PDB file of N, CA and C in Angstrom:
ATOM      1  N   MET A   1     -70.905 193.367  77.610  1.00  0.00           N
ATOM      2  CA  MET A   1     -72.348 193.477  77.952  1.00  0.00           C
ATOM      3  C   MET A   1     -72.528 193.256  79.468  1.00  0.00           C
ATOM      4  N   THR A   2     -73.388 194.052  80.002  1.00  0.00           N
ATOM      5  CA  THR A   2     -73.636 193.837  81.431  1.00  0.00           C
ATOM      6  C   THR A   2     -75.069 193.605  81.609  1.00  0.00           C
ATOM      7  N   HIS A   3     -75.422 192.843  82.688  1.00  0.00           N
ATOM      8  CA  HIS A   3     -76.797 192.449  83.085  1.00  0.00           C
ATOM      9  C   HIS A   3     -76.955 192.738  84.513  1.00  0.00           C
ATOM     10  N   PRO A   4     -78.144 193.001  85.019  1.00  0.00           N
ATOM     11  CA  PRO A   4     -78.346 193.259  86.468  1.00  0.00           C
ATOM     12  C   PRO A   4     -77.905 191.930  87.272  1.00  0.00           C
ATOM     13  N   PHE A   5     -77.288 192.250  88.402  1.00  0.00           N
ATOM     14  CA  PHE A   5     -76.825 191.178  89.244  1.00  0.00           C
ATOM     15  C   PHE A   5     -77.702 191.168  90.525  1.00  0.00           C
ATOM     16  N   ALA A   6     -78.398 190.204  90.702  1.00  0.00           N
ATOM     17  CA  ALA A   6     -79.332 190.021  91.861  1.00  0.00           C
ATOM     18  C   ALA A   6     -78.497 189.687  93.077  1.00  0.00           C
ATOM     19  N   THR A   7     -78.191 190.730  93.989  1.00  0.00           N
ATOM     20  CA  THR A   7     -77.439 190.478  95.117  1.00  0.00           C
ATOM     21  C   THR A   7     -77.914 191.423  96.230  1.00  0.00           C
ATOM     22  N   THR A   8     -77.634 191.048  97.415  1.00  0.00           N
ATOM     23  CA  THR A   8     -77.962 191.855  98.555  1.00  0.00           C
ATOM     24  C   THR A   8     -76.715 192.463  99.244  1.00  0.00           C
ATOM     25  N   VAL A   9     -75.580 192.139  98.676  1.00  0.00           N
ATOM     26  CA  VAL A   9     -74.266 192.553  99.307  1.00  0.00           C
ATOM     27  C   VAL A   9     -73.774 193.707  98.396  1.00  0.00           C
ATOM     28  N   PRO A  10     -73.896 194.909  98.934  1.00  0.00           N
ATOM     29  CA  PRO A  10     -73.341 196.053  98.118  1.00  0.00           C
ATOM     30  C   PRO A  10     -71.871 196.038  97.995  1.00  0.00           C
ATOM     31  N   ALA A  11     -71.369 196.532  96.895  1.00  0.00           N
ATOM     32  CA  ALA A  11     -69.985 196.738  96.598  1.00  0.00           C
ATOM     33  C   ALA A  11     -69.188 195.379  96.625  1.00  0.00           C
ATOM     34  N   THR A  12     -69.897 194.316  96.249  1.00  0.00           N
ATOM     35  CA  THR A  12     -69.302 192.970  96.242  1.00  0.00           C
ATOM     36  C   THR A  12     -68.577 192.803  94.879  1.00  0.00           C
ATOM     37  N   THR A  13     -67.314 192.321  94.814  1.00  0.00           N
ATOM     38  CA  THR A  13     -66.668 192.076  93.591  1.00  0.00           C
ATOM     39  C   THR A  13     -66.095 190.667  93.530  1.00  0.00           C
ATOM     40  N   ASP A  14     -66.403 189.806  94.541  1.00  0.00           N
ATOM     41  CA  ASP A  14     -65.990 188.440  94.533  1.00  0.00           C
ATOM     42  C   ASP A  14     -67.173 187.520  94.315  1.00  0.00           C
ATOM     43  N   GLU A  15     -68.242 188.073  94.090  1.00  0.00           N
ATOM     44  CA  GLU A  15     -69.518 187.256  93.880  1.00  0.00           C
ATOM     45  C   GLU A  15     -69.637 186.927  92.416  1.00  0.00           C
ATOM     46  N   HIS A  16     -70.031 185.692  92.099  1.00  0.00           N
ATOM     47  CA  HIS A  16     -70.121 185.248  90.830  1.00  0.00           C
ATOM     48  C   HIS A  16     -71.556 184.646  90.538  1.00  0.00           C
ATOM     49  N   ARG A  17     -71.915 184.630  89.301  1.00  0.00           N
ATOM     50  CA  ARG A  17     -73.136 183.990  88.916  1.00  0.00           C
ATOM     51  C   ARG A  17     -72.890 183.040  87.734  1.00  0.00           C
ATOM     52  N   LEU A  18     -73.439 181.848  87.862  1.00  0.00           N
ATOM     53  CA  LEU A  18     -73.424 180.867  86.771  1.00  0.00           C
ATOM     54  C   LEU A  18     -74.747 180.610  86.223  1.00  0.00           C
ATOM     55  N   ASP A  19     -74.970 180.932  84.959  1.00  0.00           N
ATOM     56  CA  ASP A  19     -76.204 180.621  84.316  1.00  0.00           C
ATOM     57  C   ASP A  19     -76.007 179.237  83.604  1.00  0.00           C
ATOM     58  N   ILE A  20     -76.720 178.226  84.013  1.00  0.00           N
ATOM     59  CA  ILE A  20     -76.553 176.861  83.569  1.00  0.00           C
ATOM     60  C   ILE A  20     -77.531 176.495  82.464  1.00  0.00           C
ATOM     61  N   VAL A  21     -76.968 176.021  81.376  1.00  0.00           N
ATOM     62  CA  VAL A  21     -77.853 175.604  80.156  1.00  0.00           C
ATOM     63  C   VAL A  21     -77.561 174.154  79.879  1.00  0.00           C
ATOM     64  N   THR A  22     -78.584 173.317  79.957  1.00  0.00           N
ATOM     65  CA  THR A  22     -78.373 171.922  79.615  1.00  0.00           C
ATOM     66  C   THR A  22     -79.356 171.515  78.490  1.00  0.00           C
ATOM     67  N   ASP A  23     -80.054 172.540  77.947  1.00  0.00           N
ATOM     68  CA  ASP A  23     -81.067 172.348  76.875  1.00  0.00           C
ATOM     69  C   ASP A  23     -80.407 172.780  75.609  1.00  0.00           C
ATOM     70  N   PRO A  24     -80.792 172.203  74.466  1.00  0.00           N
ATOM     71  CA  PRO A  24     -80.276 172.789  73.112  1.00  0.00           C
ATOM     72  C   PRO A  24     -80.597 174.198  72.912  1.00  0.00           C
ATOM     73  N   ASP A  25     -81.731 174.641  73.517  1.00  0.00           N
ATOM     74  CA  ASP A  25     -82.120 176.014  73.373  1.00  0.00           C
ATOM     75  C   ASP A  25     -81.365 176.896  74.501  1.00  0.00           C
ATOM     76  N   VAL A  26     -80.353 177.623  74.048  1.00  0.00           N
ATOM     77  CA  VAL A  26     -79.539 178.419  75.024  1.00  0.00           C
ATOM     78  C   VAL A  26     -80.260 179.391  75.837  1.00  0.00           C
ATOM     79  N   ASP A  27     -81.479 179.796  75.423  1.00  0.00           N
ATOM     80  CA  ASP A  27     -82.288 180.717  76.158  1.00  0.00           C
ATOM     81  C   ASP A  27     -83.113 180.056  77.248  1.00  0.00           C
ATOM     82  N   ASN A  28     -82.996 178.752  77.334  1.00  0.00           N
ATOM     83  CA  ASN A  28     -83.736 177.951  78.341  1.00  0.00           C
ATOM     84  C   ASN A  28     -82.802 177.598  79.452  1.00  0.00           C
ATOM     85  N   LEU A  29     -82.686 178.535  80.424  1.00  0.00           N
ATOM     86  CA  LEU A  29     -81.796 178.225  81.625  1.00  0.00           C
ATOM     87  C   LEU A  29     -82.371 177.188  82.441  1.00  0.00           C
ATOM     88  N   GLN A  30     -81.498 176.263  82.940  1.00  0.00           N
ATOM     89  CA  GLN A  30     -81.961 175.259  83.922  1.00  0.00           C
ATOM     90  C   GLN A  30     -81.796 175.757  85.288  1.00  0.00           C
ATOM     91  N   ALA A  31     -80.730 176.509  85.479  1.00  0.00           N
ATOM     92  CA  ALA A  31     -80.517 177.000  86.894  1.00  0.00           C
ATOM     93  C   ALA A  31     -79.656 178.262  86.833  1.00  0.00           C
ATOM     94  N   VAL A  32     -79.663 179.035  87.887  1.00  0.00           N
ATOM     95  CA  VAL A  32     -78.805 180.233  88.048  1.00  0.00           C
ATOM     96  C   VAL A  32     -78.236 180.005  89.456  1.00  0.00           C
ATOM     97  N   THR A  33     -76.968 179.982  89.561  1.00  0.00           N
ATOM     98  CA  THR A  33     -76.313 179.777  90.924  1.00  0.00           C
ATOM     99  C   THR A  33     -75.385 180.903  91.169  1.00  0.00           C
ATOM    100  N   TYR A  34     -75.406 181.404  92.430  1.00  0.00           N
ATOM    101  CA  TYR A  34     -74.543 182.477  92.854  1.00  0.00           C
ATOM    102  C   TYR A  34     -73.558 181.879  93.841  1.00  0.00           C
ATOM    103  N   PHE A  35     -72.299 182.358  93.778  1.00  0.00           N
ATOM    104  CA  PHE A  35     -71.314 181.874  94.731  1.00  0.00           C
ATOM    105  C   PHE A  35     -70.219 182.868  94.759  1.00  0.00           C
ATOM    106  N   THR A  36     -69.338 182.732  95.761  1.00  0.00           N
ATOM    107  CA  THR A  36     -68.141 183.694  95.858  1.00  0.00           C
ATOM    108  C   THR A  36     -66.899 182.843  95.557  1.00  0.00           C
ATOM    109  N   ALA A  37     -65.932 183.584  95.082  1.00  0.00           N
ATOM    110  CA  ALA A  37     -64.556 182.963  94.690  1.00  0.00           C
ATOM    111  C   ALA A  37     -63.517 184.031  94.854  1.00  0.00           C
ATOM    112  N   ALA A  38     -62.307 183.659  95.222  1.00  0.00           N
ATOM    113  CA  ALA A  38     -61.224 184.579  95.454  1.00  0.00           C
ATOM    114  C   ALA A  38     -60.784 185.297  94.202  1.00  0.00           C
ATOM    115  N   ASP A  39     -60.879 184.566  93.063  1.00  0.00           N
ATOM    116  CA  ASP A  39     -60.485 185.203  91.745  1.00  0.00           C
ATOM    117  C   ASP A  39     -61.232 184.499  90.646  1.00  0.00           C
ATOM    118  N   VAL A  40     -60.962 184.959  89.400  1.00  0.00           N
ATOM    119  CA  VAL A  40     -61.671 184.335  88.249  1.00  0.00           C
ATOM    120  C   VAL A  40     -61.220 182.903  88.039  1.00  0.00           C
ATOM    121  N   ASN A  41     -59.937 182.562  88.234  1.00  0.00           N
ATOM    122  CA  ASN A  41     -59.501 181.211  88.096  1.00  0.00           C
ATOM    123  C   ASN A  41     -60.288 180.279  89.042  1.00  0.00           C
ATOM    124  N   ALA A  42     -60.338 180.670  90.325  1.00  0.00           N
ATOM    125  CA  ALA A  42     -61.019 179.869  91.279  1.00  0.00           C
ATOM    126  C   ALA A  42     -62.565 179.809  90.879  1.00  0.00           C
ATOM    127  N   ALA A  43     -63.077 180.880  90.377  1.00  0.00           N
ATOM    128  CA  ALA A  43     -64.513 180.895  89.977  1.00  0.00           C
ATOM    129  C   ALA A  43     -64.735 179.951  88.815  1.00  0.00           C
ATOM    130  N   CYS A  44     -63.888 179.860  87.846  1.00  0.00           N
ATOM    131  CA  CYS A  44     -64.041 178.920  86.709  1.00  0.00           C
ATOM    132  C   CYS A  44     -63.940 177.478  87.219  1.00  0.00           C
ATOM    133  N   HIS A  45     -63.126 177.162  88.176  1.00  0.00           N
ATOM    134  CA  HIS A  45     -63.006 175.817  88.735  1.00  0.00           C
ATOM    135  C   HIS A  45     -64.278 175.464  89.400  1.00  0.00           C
ATOM    136  N   GLN A  46     -64.832 176.395  90.195  1.00  0.00           N
ATOM    137  CA  GLN A  46     -66.017 176.155  90.939  1.00  0.00           C
ATOM    138  C   GLN A  46     -67.200 175.975  90.032  1.00  0.00           C
ATOM    139  N   ALA A  47     -67.213 176.821  89.007  1.00  0.00           N
ATOM    140  CA  ALA A  47     -68.297 176.814  87.984  1.00  0.00           C
ATOM    141  C   ALA A  47     -68.358 175.447  87.276  1.00  0.00           C
ATOM    142  N   ALA A  48     -67.151 174.893  86.939  1.00  0.00           N
ATOM    143  CA  ALA A  48     -67.078 173.564  86.321  1.00  0.00           C
ATOM    144  C   ALA A  48     -67.671 172.463  87.241  1.00  0.00           C
ATOM    145  N   ARG A  49     -67.381 172.618  88.555  1.00  0.00           N
ATOM    146  CA  ARG A  49     -67.895 171.574  89.535  1.00  0.00           C
ATOM    147  C   ARG A  49     -69.393 171.753  89.675  1.00  0.00           C
ATOM    148  N   LEU A  50     -69.901 173.013  89.678  1.00  0.00           N
ATOM    149  CA  LEU A  50     -71.304 173.174  89.813  1.00  0.00           C
ATOM    150  C   LEU A  50     -72.074 172.685  88.524  1.00  0.00           C
ATOM    151  N   LEU A  51     -71.466 172.944  87.340  1.00  0.00           N
ATOM    152  CA  LEU A  51     -72.040 172.487  86.116  1.00  0.00           C
ATOM    153  C   LEU A  51     -72.107 170.954  86.088  1.00  0.00           C
ATOM    154  N   ALA A  52     -71.048 170.239  86.516  1.00  0.00           N
ATOM    155  CA  ALA A  52     -71.066 168.852  86.537  1.00  0.00           C
ATOM    156  C   ALA A  52     -72.049 168.262  87.493  1.00  0.00           C
ATOM    157  N   ALA A  53     -72.473 169.007  88.506  1.00  0.00           N
ATOM    158  CA  ALA A  53     -73.397 168.535  89.539  1.00  0.00           C
ATOM    159  C   ALA A  53     -74.939 168.582  89.122  1.00  0.00           C
ATOM    160  N   VAL A  54     -75.153 169.408  88.020  1.00  0.00           N
ATOM    161  CA  VAL A  54     -76.520 169.567  87.613  1.00  0.00           C
ATOM    162  C   VAL A  54     -77.010 168.420  86.719  1.00  0.00           C
ATOM    163  N   GLU A  55     -78.184 167.984  86.993  1.00  0.00           N
ATOM    164  CA  GLU A  55     -78.834 166.955  86.139  1.00  0.00           C
ATOM    165  C   GLU A  55     -79.277 167.524  84.822  1.00  0.00           C
ATOM    166  N   GLY A  56     -79.159 166.736  83.750  1.00  0.00           N
ATOM    167  CA  GLY A  56     -79.592 167.192  82.446  1.00  0.00           C
ATOM    168  C   GLY A  56     -78.810 166.479  81.326  1.00  0.00           C
ATOM    169  N   ALA A  57     -78.797 167.100  80.220  1.00  0.00           N
ATOM    170  CA  ALA A  57     -78.055 166.495  79.079  1.00  0.00           C
ATOM    171  C   ALA A  57     -76.565 166.441  79.433  1.00  0.00           C
ATOM    172  N   ASP A  58     -75.892 165.581  78.692  1.00  0.00           N
ATOM    173  CA  ASP A  58     -74.472 165.337  78.940  1.00  0.00           C
ATOM    174  C   ASP A  58     -73.625 166.597  78.460  1.00  0.00           C
ATOM    175  N   ASP A  59     -74.173 167.248  77.375  1.00  0.00           N
ATOM    176  CA  ASP A  59     -73.484 168.454  76.841  1.00  0.00           C
ATOM    177  C   ASP A  59     -74.016 169.653  77.604  1.00  0.00           C
ATOM    178  N   ARG A  60     -73.239 170.298  78.514  1.00  0.00           N
ATOM    179  CA  ARG A  60     -73.641 171.321  79.318  1.00  0.00           C
ATOM    180  C   ARG A  60     -72.807 172.601  79.078  1.00  0.00           C
ATOM    181  N   TYR A  61     -73.468 173.757  79.252  1.00  0.00           N
ATOM    182  CA  TYR A  61     -72.851 174.985  79.137  1.00  0.00           C
ATOM    183  C   TYR A  61     -73.130 175.844  80.418  1.00  0.00           C
ATOM    184  N   GLY A  62     -72.254 176.693  80.774  1.00  0.00           N
ATOM    185  CA  GLY A  62     -72.522 177.665  81.822  1.00  0.00           C
ATOM    186  C   GLY A  62     -71.896 178.976  81.475  1.00  0.00           C
ATOM    187  N   GLU A  63     -72.615 180.028  81.608  1.00  0.00           N
ATOM    188  CA  GLU A  63     -72.141 181.416  81.343  1.00  0.00           C
ATOM    189  C   GLU A  63     -71.758 181.993  82.734  1.00  0.00           C
ATOM    190  N   LEU A  64     -70.525 182.297  82.956  1.00  0.00           N
ATOM    191  CA  LEU A  64     -70.009 182.810  84.157  1.00  0.00           C
ATOM    192  C   LEU A  64     -69.928 184.345  84.165  1.00  0.00           C
ATOM    193  N   TYR A  65     -70.491 184.899  85.208  1.00  0.00           N
ATOM    194  CA  TYR A  65     -70.524 186.418  85.342  1.00  0.00           C
ATOM    195  C   TYR A  65     -69.915 186.742  86.684  1.00  0.00           C
ATOM    196  N   VAL A  66     -69.305 187.962  86.826  1.00  0.00           N
ATOM    197  CA  VAL A  66     -68.718 188.437  88.042  1.00  0.00           C
ATOM    198  C   VAL A  66     -69.518 189.692  88.349  1.00  0.00           C
ATOM    199  N   HIS A  67     -69.701 190.025  89.639  1.00  0.00           N
ATOM    200  CA  HIS A  67     -70.349 191.197  90.070  1.00  0.00           C
ATOM    201  C   HIS A  67     -69.367 192.324  89.983  1.00  0.00           C
ATOM    202  N   ASP A  68     -69.714 193.477  89.367  1.00  0.00           N
ATOM    203  CA  ASP A  68     -68.819 194.521  89.214  1.00  0.00           C
ATOM    204  C   ASP A  68     -68.772 195.542  90.388  1.00  0.00           C
ATOM    205  N   GLY A  69     -69.594 195.300  91.441  1.00  0.00           N
ATOM    206  CA  GLY A  69     -69.587 196.127  92.592  1.00  0.00           C
ATOM    207  C   GLY A  69     -70.666 197.288  92.491  1.00  0.00           C
ATOM    208  N   ASP A  70     -71.227 197.414  91.295  1.00  0.00           N
ATOM    209  CA  ASP A  70     -72.263 198.396  91.095  1.00  0.00           C
ATOM    210  C   ASP A  70     -73.632 197.877  90.789  1.00  0.00           C
ATOM    211  N   GLY A  71     -73.794 196.568  90.957  1.00  0.00           N
ATOM    212  CA  GLY A  71     -75.146 195.907  90.722  1.00  0.00           C
ATOM    213  C   GLY A  71     -75.190 195.264  89.312  1.00  0.00           C
ATOM    214  N   ASN A  72     -74.122 195.237  88.624  1.00  0.00           N
ATOM    215  CA  ASN A  72     -74.142 194.631  87.199  1.00  0.00           C
ATOM    216  C   ASN A  72     -73.272 193.348  87.194  1.00  0.00           C
ATOM    217  N   ALA A  73     -73.685 192.508  86.288  1.00  0.00           N
ATOM    218  CA  ALA A  73     -73.028 191.233  86.078  1.00  0.00           C
ATOM    219  C   ALA A  73     -72.171 191.399  84.747  1.00  0.00           C
ATOM    220  N   VAL A  74     -70.899 191.123  84.850  1.00  0.00           N
ATOM    221  CA  VAL A  74     -70.063 191.274  83.667  1.00  0.00           C
ATOM    222  C   VAL A  74     -69.590 189.880  83.305  1.00  0.00           C
ATOM    223  N   HIS A  75     -69.771 189.476  82.012  1.00  0.00           N
ATOM    224  CA  HIS A  75     -69.462 188.175  81.546  1.00  0.00           C
ATOM    225  C   HIS A  75     -67.941 187.890  81.671  1.00  0.00           C
ATOM    226  N   CYS A  76     -67.596 186.727  82.297  1.00  0.00           N
ATOM    227  CA  CYS A  76     -66.167 186.354  82.502  1.00  0.00           C
ATOM    228  C   CYS A  76     -65.770 185.329  81.486  1.00  0.00           C
ATOM    229  N   ASP A  77     -66.584 184.215  81.408  1.00  0.00           N
ATOM    230  CA  ASP A  77     -66.185 183.051  80.654  1.00  0.00           C
ATOM    231  C   ASP A  77     -67.335 182.135  80.335  1.00  0.00           C
ATOM    232  N   THR A  78     -67.159 181.333  79.364  1.00  0.00           N
ATOM    233  CA  THR A  78     -68.173 180.283  79.076  1.00  0.00           C
ATOM    234  C   THR A  78     -67.503 178.930  79.446  1.00  0.00           C
ATOM    235  N   ILE A  79     -68.220 178.239  80.326  1.00  0.00           N
ATOM    236  CA  ILE A  79     -67.717 176.937  80.774  1.00  0.00           C
ATOM    237  C   ILE A  79     -68.503 175.825  79.946  1.00  0.00           C
ATOM    238  N   HIS A  80     -67.804 174.934  79.419  1.00  0.00           N
ATOM    239  CA  HIS A  80     -68.439 173.851  78.575  1.00  0.00           C
ATOM    240  C   HIS A  80     -68.021 172.526  79.007  1.00  0.00           C
ATOM    241  N   LEU A  81     -68.925 171.647  79.376  1.00  0.00           N
ATOM    242  CA  LEU A  81     -68.643 170.330  79.657  1.00  0.00           C
ATOM    243  C   LEU A  81     -69.243 169.460  78.471  1.00  0.00           C
ATOM    244  N   PRO A  82     -68.369 169.062  77.565  1.00  0.00           N
ATOM    245  CA  PRO A  82     -68.861 168.279  76.393  1.00  0.00           C
ATOM    246  C   PRO A  82     -69.361 166.875  76.740  1.00  0.00           C
ATOM    247  N   ALA A  83     -70.199 166.420  75.943  1.00  0.00           N
ATOM    248  CA  ALA A  83     -70.755 165.057  76.163  1.00  0.00           C
ATOM    249  C   ALA A  83     -69.758 164.037  75.944  1.00  0.00           C
TER     250      ALA A  83
END
């Protein structure tokens, strides 16, 4: 599944988006963070650090997406920091 990726850098494929959820309702995003990373492994590590820095419930989730270069966000991974 792809979603629009809000970016101003055309043809970017190292840009990532982390949708942060700290509420029991997964449709209630607390934050959306954009960042760059060299590869998916580095993006997952950065996403975990960003997720840990957000205030909210102890049980946190983040949906990690990568920019496909054509303006779409492609889901990469789900990051979970359990309570």
